[in-house]
Amino acid sequence: MSHGYDLGGEAKPAVIAVTGPLSAVFWLIDRINRAAIIVGMLALLGAGGILAAAVFLRYYLHQPTDWQDEVAVFLLVGTTFLCGAYVQERRGHIGIEALTGLLPDAVNRLRGLLVDVGSFLFCAFFTWKSFTLFLEAYNEGQTTSTSWAPPLAIPYGLMAAGMLLLSLQLLLQVLAGVMRKGEGR
């Protein structure tokens, strides 16, 4: 497989090796992605702990809670969106590889570049819409409809930040693909 894992199950290192002016940007995005994955791991542990504690409180101590589901959802939303760029950096997203083995390398590189461009355009649009949702929720003070009523700006902000990271990652991969094509590789 060429999307993040080989048959041995070991994760591939970052796919792009870039020199020149973009190398500092790649390095910075890589460090942000690594920090996001650590935050994501902690958030998943936190969500699991919160849900387990809620089950214990409800069924054994007969103390219902009204906040645990929203906190867990917020943590899971944040993890999902903030870690997307890390997965993309390593090409770990699921891909259909029916044509990969049939096409010559040059055509596969072009196909990969076109997929990255299309993905970037979609994610850039999603980023823009996420930021508009975040700003609307923040400016209007929107909250959830539960008794706890946390601000909706929290999940929308996490979604916007994650999509921005993913869009930047895709843009860097497009630029690296164009630079490689320009070098004749």
N, C-alpha and C. Protein backbone atom coordinates (compact mmCIF):
# COMPACT_ATOMS: atom_id res chain seq x y z
N MET A 1 0.85 -1.19 0.00
CA MET A 1 0.00 0.00 0.00
C MET A 1 0.88 1.24 0.00
N SER A 2 0.39 2.29 -0.58
CA SER A 2 1.19 3.51 -0.64
C SER A 2 0.60 4.63 0.19
N HIS A 3 -0.39 4.34 1.00
CA HIS A 3 -1.04 5.39 1.77
C HIS A 3 -0.76 5.26 3.26
N GLY A 4 0.49 5.41 3.66
CA GLY A 4 0.82 5.55 5.06
C GLY A 4 1.34 4.30 5.73
N TYR A 5 0.99 3.11 5.26
CA TYR A 5 1.43 1.90 5.93
C TYR A 5 1.86 0.88 4.88
N ASP A 6 2.91 0.14 5.23
CA ASP A 6 3.31 -0.93 4.33
C ASP A 6 2.71 -2.22 4.87
N LEU A 7 3.01 -3.32 4.22
CA LEU A 7 2.42 -4.59 4.65
C LEU A 7 2.86 -4.99 6.04
N GLY A 8 4.00 -4.50 6.49
CA GLY A 8 4.47 -4.80 7.84
C GLY A 8 3.73 -4.00 8.91
N GLY A 9 2.91 -3.04 8.50
CA GLY A 9 2.12 -2.28 9.46
C GLY A 9 2.85 -1.11 10.08
N GLU A 10 4.05 -0.81 9.61
CA GLU A 10 4.80 0.30 10.20
C GLU A 10 4.50 1.59 9.46
N ALA A 11 4.35 2.66 10.23
CA ALA A 11 4.04 3.96 9.63
C ALA A 11 5.24 4.46 8.85
N LYS A 12 4.98 5.06 7.70
CA LYS A 12 6.04 5.67 6.90
C LYS A 12 6.41 7.01 7.52
N PRO A 13 7.64 7.44 7.34
CA PRO A 13 7.99 8.80 7.77
C PRO A 13 7.31 9.81 6.87
N ALA A 14 7.47 11.07 7.21
CA ALA A 14 6.90 12.13 6.38
C ALA A 14 7.34 11.93 4.93
N VAL A 15 6.43 12.08 4.01
CA VAL A 15 6.66 11.74 2.61
C VAL A 15 7.53 12.76 1.90
N ILE A 16 7.41 14.02 2.24
CA ILE A 16 8.01 15.07 1.44
C ILE A 16 9.35 15.50 2.01
N ALA A 17 10.37 15.44 1.19
CA ALA A 17 11.67 15.97 1.55
C ALA A 17 11.93 17.16 0.64
N VAL A 18 11.88 18.35 1.18
CA VAL A 18 12.00 19.57 0.38
C VAL A 18 13.22 20.35 0.84
N THR A 19 13.92 20.91 -0.11
CA THR A 19 15.03 21.80 0.22
C THR A 19 14.66 23.19 -0.27
N GLY A 20 15.40 24.15 0.16
CA GLY A 20 15.14 25.51 -0.28
C GLY A 20 14.21 26.26 0.65
N PRO A 21 13.57 27.30 0.12
CA PRO A 21 12.78 28.20 0.96
C PRO A 21 11.58 27.53 1.64
N LEU A 22 11.03 26.49 1.04
CA LEU A 22 9.87 25.84 1.65
C LEU A 22 10.23 24.89 2.79
N SER A 23 11.50 24.54 2.90
CA SER A 23 11.87 23.56 3.92
C SER A 23 11.55 24.04 5.34
N ALA A 24 11.72 25.33 5.60
CA ALA A 24 11.39 25.86 6.93
C ALA A 24 9.89 25.79 7.21
N VAL A 25 9.09 26.03 6.18
CA VAL A 25 7.63 25.95 6.33
C VAL A 25 7.22 24.50 6.58
N PHE A 26 7.81 23.56 5.82
CA PHE A 26 7.52 22.14 6.04
C PHE A 26 7.91 21.73 7.47
N TRP A 27 9.06 22.19 7.92
CA TRP A 27 9.51 21.85 9.27
C TRP A 27 8.52 22.39 10.31
N LEU A 28 8.08 23.63 10.15
CA LEU A 28 7.15 24.23 11.09
C LEU A 28 5.81 23.49 11.10
N ILE A 29 5.26 23.21 9.94
CA ILE A 29 3.99 22.49 9.85
C ILE A 29 4.14 21.09 10.45
N ASP A 30 5.27 20.45 10.20
CA ASP A 30 5.51 19.13 10.79
C ASP A 30 5.49 19.20 12.32
N ARG A 31 6.10 20.22 12.87
CA ARG A 31 6.12 20.36 14.35
C ARG A 31 4.72 20.65 14.88
N ILE A 32 3.96 21.48 14.17
CA ILE A 32 2.58 21.76 14.59
C ILE A 32 1.76 20.47 14.50
N ASN A 33 1.93 19.70 13.43
CA ASN A 33 1.21 18.43 13.29
C ASN A 33 1.56 17.46 14.40
N ARG A 34 2.83 17.39 14.77
CA ARG A 34 3.24 16.50 15.86
C ARG A 34 2.65 16.94 17.19
N ALA A 35 2.59 18.24 17.42
CA ALA A 35 1.95 18.74 18.64
C ALA A 35 0.46 18.43 18.63
N ALA A 36 -0.18 18.58 17.48
CA ALA A 36 -1.61 18.29 17.37
C ALA A 36 -1.90 16.83 17.63
N ILE A 37 -1.02 15.94 17.19
CA ILE A 37 -1.27 14.52 17.41
C ILE A 37 -1.13 14.18 18.90
N ILE A 38 -0.23 14.84 19.59
CA ILE A 38 -0.10 14.62 21.04
C ILE A 38 -1.34 15.14 21.76
N VAL A 39 -1.79 16.33 21.39
CA VAL A 39 -3.02 16.88 21.96
C VAL A 39 -4.19 15.96 21.65
N GLY A 40 -4.23 15.43 20.42
CA GLY A 40 -5.30 14.52 20.03
C GLY A 40 -5.30 13.24 20.86
N MET A 41 -4.11 12.69 21.12
CA MET A 41 -4.03 11.48 21.95
C MET A 41 -4.55 11.76 23.35
N LEU A 42 -4.15 12.89 23.90
CA LEU A 42 -4.62 13.26 25.24
C LEU A 42 -6.13 13.50 25.25
N ALA A 43 -6.64 14.11 24.18
CA ALA A 43 -8.08 14.36 24.09
C ALA A 43 -8.86 13.05 24.01
N LEU A 44 -8.34 12.08 23.25
CA LEU A 44 -9.01 10.78 23.18
C LEU A 44 -9.01 10.08 24.54
N LEU A 45 -7.89 10.15 25.23
CA LEU A 45 -7.84 9.58 26.59
C LEU A 45 -8.82 10.30 27.50
N GLY A 46 -8.87 11.63 27.38
CA GLY A 46 -9.80 12.40 28.19
C GLY A 46 -11.25 12.05 27.90
N ALA A 47 -11.60 11.92 26.62
CA ALA A 47 -12.97 11.56 26.25
C ALA A 47 -13.33 10.19 26.81
N GLY A 48 -12.42 9.24 26.67
CA GLY A 48 -12.68 7.91 27.21
C GLY A 48 -12.83 7.92 28.72
N GLY A 49 -11.97 8.68 29.39
CA GLY A 49 -12.06 8.78 30.85
C GLY A 49 -13.34 9.44 31.31
N ILE A 50 -13.73 10.50 30.61
CA ILE A 50 -14.97 11.21 30.97
C ILE A 50 -16.18 10.32 30.78
N LEU A 51 -16.24 9.61 29.67
CA LEU A 51 -17.38 8.73 29.43
C LEU A 51 -17.41 7.56 30.40
N ALA A 52 -16.23 7.00 30.73
CA ALA A 52 -16.19 5.91 31.72
C ALA A 52 -16.62 6.42 33.09
N ALA A 53 -16.17 7.60 33.46
CA ALA A 53 -16.57 8.18 34.76
C ALA A 53 -18.07 8.44 34.79
N ALA A 54 -18.63 8.91 33.68
CA ALA A 54 -20.06 9.17 33.62
C ALA A 54 -20.87 7.89 33.79
N VAL A 55 -20.39 6.81 33.17
CA VAL A 55 -21.08 5.52 33.34
C VAL A 55 -21.01 5.09 34.80
N PHE A 56 -19.85 5.20 35.39
CA PHE A 56 -19.69 4.82 36.80
C PHE A 56 -20.59 5.67 37.70
N LEU A 57 -20.58 6.98 37.48
CA LEU A 57 -21.40 7.87 38.30
C LEU A 57 -22.89 7.57 38.14
N ARG A 58 -23.31 7.33 36.91
CA ARG A 58 -24.74 7.12 36.66
C ARG A 58 -25.23 5.77 37.19
N TYR A 59 -24.50 4.70 36.92
CA TYR A 59 -25.02 3.37 37.23
C TYR A 59 -24.65 2.86 38.61
N TYR A 60 -23.55 3.34 39.16
CA TYR A 60 -23.15 2.83 40.47
C TYR A 60 -23.42 3.81 41.60
N LEU A 61 -23.28 5.10 41.32
CA LEU A 61 -23.52 6.10 42.36
C LEU A 61 -24.85 6.83 42.17
N HIS A 62 -25.56 6.52 41.09
CA HIS A 62 -26.86 7.13 40.78
C HIS A 62 -26.78 8.66 40.75
N GLN A 63 -25.69 9.17 40.18
CA GLN A 63 -25.47 10.61 40.01
C GLN A 63 -25.38 10.94 38.52
N PRO A 64 -26.49 11.28 37.91
CA PRO A 64 -26.42 11.58 36.47
C PRO A 64 -25.65 12.87 36.22
N THR A 65 -25.01 12.91 35.07
CA THR A 65 -24.31 14.12 34.63
C THR A 65 -24.93 14.58 33.33
N ASP A 66 -24.88 15.86 33.08
CA ASP A 66 -25.48 16.38 31.85
C ASP A 66 -24.46 17.00 30.91
N TRP A 67 -23.21 16.92 31.22
CA TRP A 67 -22.18 17.60 30.45
C TRP A 67 -21.24 16.65 29.73
N GLN A 68 -21.17 15.38 30.13
CA GLN A 68 -20.12 14.48 29.64
C GLN A 68 -20.22 14.22 28.14
N ASP A 69 -21.43 14.11 27.61
CA ASP A 69 -21.54 13.82 26.17
C ASP A 69 -21.00 14.96 25.33
N GLU A 70 -21.34 16.19 25.71
CA GLU A 70 -20.85 17.33 24.94
C GLU A 70 -19.34 17.49 25.05
N VAL A 71 -18.80 17.30 26.23
CA VAL A 71 -17.35 17.39 26.38
C VAL A 71 -16.67 16.33 25.53
N ALA A 72 -17.18 15.11 25.58
CA ALA A 72 -16.59 14.03 24.78
C ALA A 72 -16.70 14.34 23.28
N VAL A 73 -17.84 14.84 22.84
CA VAL A 73 -18.01 15.19 21.43
C VAL A 73 -17.05 16.30 21.04
N PHE A 74 -16.92 17.33 21.88
CA PHE A 74 -15.99 18.42 21.58
C PHE A 74 -14.56 17.89 21.47
N LEU A 75 -14.18 17.00 22.38
CA LEU A 75 -12.83 16.43 22.33
C LEU A 75 -12.63 15.58 21.07
N LEU A 76 -13.64 14.82 20.71
CA LEU A 76 -13.53 13.98 19.51
C LEU A 76 -13.52 14.81 18.24
N VAL A 77 -14.32 15.86 18.19
CA VAL A 77 -14.31 16.76 17.03
C VAL A 77 -12.94 17.42 16.89
N GLY A 78 -12.42 17.92 18.00
CA GLY A 78 -11.10 18.54 17.98
C GLY A 78 -10.03 17.58 17.51
N THR A 79 -10.06 16.36 18.04
CA THR A 79 -9.07 15.36 17.65
C THR A 79 -9.18 15.03 16.17
N THR A 80 -10.38 14.81 15.71
CA THR A 80 -10.59 14.45 14.30
C THR A 80 -10.05 15.52 13.36
N PHE A 81 -10.39 16.76 13.62
CA PHE A 81 -9.99 17.82 12.70
C PHE A 81 -8.53 18.24 12.89
N LEU A 82 -8.05 18.32 14.13
CA LEU A 82 -6.68 18.77 14.34
C LEU A 82 -5.65 17.74 13.88
N CYS A 83 -6.01 16.47 13.84
CA CYS A 83 -5.04 15.44 13.46
C CYS A 83 -5.09 15.09 11.98
N GLY A 84 -6.00 15.67 11.23
CA GLY A 84 -6.11 15.38 9.80
C GLY A 84 -4.86 15.75 9.02
N ALA A 85 -4.23 16.86 9.37
CA ALA A 85 -3.02 17.29 8.65
C ALA A 85 -1.86 16.33 8.92
N TYR A 86 -1.77 15.81 10.14
CA TYR A 86 -0.73 14.84 10.48
C TYR A 86 -0.87 13.60 9.61
N VAL A 87 -2.11 13.12 9.48
CA VAL A 87 -2.37 11.93 8.67
C VAL A 87 -2.07 12.22 7.19
N GLN A 88 -2.47 13.40 6.72
CA GLN A 88 -2.21 13.77 5.33
C GLN A 88 -0.71 13.90 5.08
N GLU A 89 0.02 14.44 6.01
CA GLU A 89 1.47 14.59 5.85
C GLU A 89 2.12 13.24 5.58
N ARG A 90 1.61 12.20 6.20
CA ARG A 90 2.16 10.86 6.05
C ARG A 90 1.40 10.04 5.00
N ARG A 91 0.49 10.69 4.29
CA ARG A 91 -0.33 10.02 3.27
C ARG A 91 -1.05 8.82 3.87
N GLY A 92 -1.58 8.99 5.05
CA GLY A 92 -2.23 7.90 5.77
C GLY A 92 -3.71 7.78 5.53
N HIS A 93 -4.31 8.68 4.76
CA HIS A 93 -5.73 8.57 4.47
C HIS A 93 -5.97 7.39 3.54
N ILE A 94 -7.14 6.86 3.60
CA ILE A 94 -7.50 5.73 2.76
C ILE A 94 -7.54 6.20 1.31
N GLY A 95 -6.96 5.42 0.43
CA GLY A 95 -6.96 5.76 -0.99
C GLY A 95 -7.28 4.53 -1.82
N ILE A 96 -7.87 4.74 -2.94
CA ILE A 96 -8.17 3.64 -3.85
C ILE A 96 -6.98 3.49 -4.78
N GLU A 97 -6.40 2.32 -4.79
CA GLU A 97 -5.16 2.11 -5.51
C GLU A 97 -5.31 1.20 -6.72
N ALA A 98 -6.49 1.13 -7.27
CA ALA A 98 -6.72 0.24 -8.41
C ALA A 98 -5.85 0.63 -9.61
N LEU A 99 -5.64 1.93 -9.82
CA LEU A 99 -4.88 2.39 -10.98
C LEU A 99 -3.39 2.53 -10.71
N THR A 100 -3.01 2.61 -9.46
CA THR A 100 -1.62 2.90 -9.12
C THR A 100 -0.64 1.92 -9.75
N GLY A 101 -0.94 0.65 -9.68
CA GLY A 101 -0.04 -0.35 -10.23
C GLY A 101 -0.09 -0.44 -11.74
N LEU A 102 -1.13 0.09 -12.34
CA LEU A 102 -1.28 0.00 -13.80
C LEU A 102 -0.65 1.18 -14.54
N LEU A 103 -0.51 2.30 -13.87
CA LEU A 103 -0.04 3.53 -14.53
C LEU A 103 1.47 3.68 -14.39
N PRO A 104 2.10 4.29 -15.37
CA PRO A 104 3.53 4.60 -15.24
C PRO A 104 3.77 5.61 -14.12
N ASP A 105 4.99 5.66 -13.61
CA ASP A 105 5.32 6.55 -12.49
C ASP A 105 5.00 8.01 -12.78
N ALA A 106 5.32 8.48 -13.95
CA ALA A 106 5.07 9.90 -14.29
C ALA A 106 3.57 10.20 -14.25
N VAL A 107 2.76 9.30 -14.75
CA VAL A 107 1.31 9.49 -14.74
C VAL A 107 0.79 9.42 -13.30
N ASN A 108 1.35 8.52 -12.50
CA ASN A 108 0.95 8.43 -11.09
C ASN A 108 1.28 9.71 -10.33
N ARG A 109 2.44 10.29 -10.62
CA ARG A 109 2.80 11.56 -9.97
C ARG A 109 1.82 12.66 -10.36
N LEU A 110 1.46 12.72 -11.65
CA LEU A 110 0.49 13.71 -12.10
C LEU A 110 -0.87 13.45 -11.46
N ARG A 111 -1.29 12.19 -11.40
CA ARG A 111 -2.55 11.83 -10.76
C ARG A 111 -2.53 12.26 -9.30
N GLY A 112 -1.44 11.99 -8.61
CA GLY A 112 -1.32 12.39 -7.21
C GLY A 112 -1.38 13.90 -7.03
N LEU A 113 -0.74 14.62 -7.95
CA LEU A 113 -0.77 16.09 -7.90
C LEU A 113 -2.19 16.60 -8.12
N LEU A 114 -2.89 16.03 -9.08
CA LEU A 114 -4.27 16.46 -9.34
C LEU A 114 -5.19 16.15 -8.16
N VAL A 115 -4.98 15.01 -7.53
CA VAL A 115 -5.76 14.66 -6.34
C VAL A 115 -5.46 15.66 -5.22
N ASP A 116 -4.19 16.00 -5.04
CA ASP A 116 -3.82 16.98 -4.01
C ASP A 116 -4.44 18.35 -4.30
N VAL A 117 -4.44 18.76 -5.56
CA VAL A 117 -5.04 20.06 -5.93
C VAL A 117 -6.54 20.03 -5.63
N GLY A 118 -7.22 18.98 -6.05
CA GLY A 118 -8.65 18.87 -5.79
C GLY A 118 -8.96 18.83 -4.29
N SER A 119 -8.16 18.08 -3.55
CA SER A 119 -8.33 18.00 -2.10
C SER A 119 -8.10 19.36 -1.45
N PHE A 120 -7.06 20.06 -1.93
CA PHE A 120 -6.78 21.39 -1.38
C PHE A 120 -7.94 22.34 -1.64
N LEU A 121 -8.47 22.33 -2.85
CA LEU A 121 -9.58 23.24 -3.17
C LEU A 121 -10.80 22.94 -2.29
N PHE A 122 -11.13 21.67 -2.11
CA PHE A 122 -12.24 21.31 -1.24
C PHE A 122 -11.97 21.74 0.20
N CYS A 123 -10.77 21.43 0.70
CA CYS A 123 -10.45 21.75 2.10
C CYS A 123 -10.35 23.26 2.32
N ALA A 124 -9.88 24.00 1.32
CA ALA A 124 -9.83 25.46 1.46
C ALA A 124 -11.24 26.03 1.57
N PHE A 125 -12.18 25.51 0.77
CA PHE A 125 -13.57 25.94 0.87
C PHE A 125 -14.14 25.56 2.24
N PHE A 126 -13.88 24.35 2.68
CA PHE A 126 -14.36 23.87 3.99
C PHE A 126 -13.76 24.74 5.10
N THR A 127 -12.51 25.12 4.97
CA THR A 127 -11.87 25.99 5.96
C THR A 127 -12.58 27.33 6.03
N TRP A 128 -12.84 27.92 4.89
CA TRP A 128 -13.54 29.20 4.84
C TRP A 128 -14.91 29.09 5.51
N LYS A 129 -15.67 28.05 5.17
CA LYS A 129 -17.00 27.88 5.76
C LYS A 129 -16.89 27.62 7.26
N SER A 130 -15.88 26.89 7.69
CA SER A 130 -15.69 26.62 9.12
C SER A 130 -15.40 27.90 9.88
N PHE A 131 -14.56 28.75 9.30
CA PHE A 131 -14.26 30.02 9.96
C PHE A 131 -15.49 30.92 10.01
N THR A 132 -16.34 30.90 8.97
CA THR A 132 -17.56 31.71 9.04
C THR A 132 -18.49 31.18 10.12
N LEU A 133 -18.59 29.86 10.27
CA LEU A 133 -19.40 29.28 11.35
C LEU A 133 -18.84 29.68 12.71
N PHE A 134 -17.52 29.58 12.85
CA PHE A 134 -16.88 29.94 14.11
C PHE A 134 -17.14 31.41 14.46
N LEU A 135 -16.92 32.30 13.50
CA LEU A 135 -17.12 33.73 13.77
C LEU A 135 -18.58 34.05 14.09
N GLU A 136 -19.49 33.43 13.39
CA GLU A 136 -20.91 33.64 13.66
C GLU A 136 -21.27 33.15 15.07
N ALA A 137 -20.81 31.96 15.42
CA ALA A 137 -21.11 31.43 16.76
C ALA A 137 -20.47 32.28 17.85
N TYR A 138 -19.25 32.72 17.60
CA TYR A 138 -18.54 33.54 18.59
C TYR A 138 -19.20 34.91 18.75
N ASN A 139 -19.47 35.58 17.64
CA ASN A 139 -20.04 36.94 17.69
C ASN A 139 -21.46 36.95 18.24
N GLU A 140 -22.22 35.91 17.95
CA GLU A 140 -23.60 35.85 18.41
C GLU A 140 -23.75 35.15 19.76
N GLY A 141 -22.67 34.63 20.29
CA GLY A 141 -22.73 33.94 21.58
C GLY A 141 -23.56 32.67 21.54
N GLN A 142 -23.54 31.97 20.40
CA GLN A 142 -24.34 30.76 20.27
C GLN A 142 -23.85 29.67 21.21
N THR A 143 -24.81 28.94 21.79
CA THR A 143 -24.49 27.83 22.68
C THR A 143 -25.30 26.61 22.24
N THR A 144 -24.95 25.47 22.81
CA THR A 144 -25.74 24.27 22.53
C THR A 144 -27.08 24.41 23.24
N SER A 145 -28.01 23.54 22.90
CA SER A 145 -29.36 23.65 23.46
C SER A 145 -29.55 22.83 24.73
N THR A 146 -28.48 22.41 25.36
CA THR A 146 -28.59 21.62 26.59
C THR A 146 -28.58 22.53 27.81
N SER A 147 -28.81 21.94 28.97
CA SER A 147 -28.80 22.74 30.20
C SER A 147 -27.40 23.26 30.52
N TRP A 148 -26.38 22.57 30.10
CA TRP A 148 -25.01 23.04 30.34
C TRP A 148 -24.67 24.21 29.42
N ALA A 149 -25.09 24.14 28.17
CA ALA A 149 -24.99 25.20 27.17
C ALA A 149 -23.59 25.76 26.96
N PRO A 150 -22.62 24.89 26.58
CA PRO A 150 -21.29 25.43 26.25
C PRO A 150 -21.33 26.17 24.92
N PRO A 151 -20.39 27.08 24.71
CA PRO A 151 -20.39 27.85 23.45
C PRO A 151 -20.08 26.97 22.24
N LEU A 152 -20.82 27.19 21.18
CA LEU A 152 -20.57 26.46 19.93
C LEU A 152 -19.30 26.93 19.24
N ALA A 153 -18.76 28.05 19.68
CA ALA A 153 -17.50 28.52 19.10
C ALA A 153 -16.37 27.52 19.37
N ILE A 154 -16.49 26.72 20.42
CA ILE A 154 -15.42 25.75 20.74
C ILE A 154 -15.30 24.70 19.64
N PRO A 155 -16.34 23.92 19.32
CA PRO A 155 -16.15 22.92 18.27
C PRO A 155 -15.94 23.54 16.89
N TYR A 156 -16.59 24.67 16.62
CA TYR A 156 -16.40 25.32 15.32
C TYR A 156 -14.97 25.85 15.20
N GLY A 157 -14.42 26.36 16.27
CA GLY A 157 -13.03 26.83 16.25
C GLY A 157 -12.05 25.70 16.04
N LEU A 158 -12.29 24.57 16.70
CA LEU A 158 -11.43 23.40 16.51
C LEU A 158 -11.53 22.88 15.08
N MET A 159 -12.74 22.88 14.55
CA MET A 159 -12.94 22.44 13.17
C MET A 159 -12.21 23.38 12.21
N ALA A 160 -12.33 24.67 12.42
CA ALA A 160 -11.68 25.65 11.53
C ALA A 160 -10.16 25.54 11.62
N ALA A 161 -9.64 25.41 12.83
CA ALA A 161 -8.18 25.29 13.00
C ALA A 161 -7.66 24.02 12.34
N GLY A 162 -8.36 22.91 12.53
CA GLY A 162 -7.94 21.66 11.91
C GLY A 162 -8.00 21.71 10.40
N MET A 163 -9.05 22.31 9.86
CA MET A 163 -9.16 22.41 8.40
C MET A 163 -8.10 23.36 7.83
N LEU A 164 -7.76 24.41 8.59
CA LEU A 164 -6.69 25.29 8.15
C LEU A 164 -5.37 24.54 8.08
N LEU A 165 -5.07 23.75 9.10
CA LEU A 165 -3.84 22.94 9.08
C LEU A 165 -3.85 21.96 7.91
N LEU A 166 -4.97 21.30 7.69
CA LEU A 166 -5.06 20.35 6.58
C LEU A 166 -4.90 21.06 5.24
N SER A 167 -5.52 22.22 5.09
CA SER A 167 -5.38 22.98 3.84
C SER A 167 -3.93 23.40 3.61
N LEU A 168 -3.27 23.87 4.66
CA LEU A 168 -1.86 24.25 4.54
C LEU A 168 -1.00 23.05 4.16
N GLN A 169 -1.28 21.91 4.79
CA GLN A 169 -0.53 20.69 4.47
C GLN A 169 -0.71 20.32 3.01
N LEU A 170 -1.94 20.35 2.54
CA LEU A 170 -2.20 20.03 1.13
C LEU A 170 -1.55 21.04 0.19
N LEU A 171 -1.61 22.33 0.54
CA LEU A 171 -0.97 23.34 -0.29
C LEU A 171 0.53 23.10 -0.38
N LEU A 172 1.15 22.76 0.72
CA LEU A 172 2.59 22.46 0.70
C LEU A 172 2.88 21.24 -0.16
N GLN A 173 2.02 20.24 -0.09
CA GLN A 173 2.23 19.05 -0.91
C GLN A 173 2.04 19.36 -2.40
N VAL A 174 1.10 20.24 -2.70
CA VAL A 174 0.92 20.66 -4.10
C VAL A 174 2.16 21.40 -4.57
N LEU A 175 2.64 22.34 -3.77
CA LEU A 175 3.84 23.10 -4.14
C LEU A 175 5.04 22.18 -4.32
N ALA A 176 5.18 21.21 -3.42
CA ALA A 176 6.30 20.26 -3.54
C ALA A 176 6.14 19.42 -4.81
N GLY A 177 4.92 19.03 -5.15
CA GLY A 177 4.70 18.27 -6.37
C GLY A 177 5.01 19.07 -7.61
N VAL A 178 4.65 20.35 -7.60
CA VAL A 178 4.95 21.23 -8.73
C VAL A 178 6.47 21.43 -8.84
N MET A 179 7.12 21.60 -7.71
CA MET A 179 8.58 21.79 -7.72
C MET A 179 9.27 20.54 -8.24
N ARG A 180 8.80 19.35 -7.84
CA ARG A 180 9.39 18.10 -8.34
C ARG A 180 9.17 17.97 -9.83
N LYS A 181 7.98 18.35 -10.30
CA LYS A 181 7.68 18.26 -11.73
C LYS A 181 8.60 19.21 -12.50
N GLY A 182 8.85 20.39 -11.93
CA GLY A 182 9.71 21.36 -12.56
C GLY A 182 11.16 20.89 -12.63
N GLU A 183 11.54 19.98 -11.70
CA GLU A 183 12.91 19.45 -11.70
C GLU A 183 13.02 18.26 -12.64
N GLY A 184 11.89 17.80 -13.19
CA GLY A 184 11.93 16.69 -14.13
C GLY A 184 11.95 15.34 -13.48
N ARG A 185 11.61 15.22 -12.23
CA ARG A 185 11.60 13.93 -11.55
C ARG A 185 10.30 13.22 -11.73
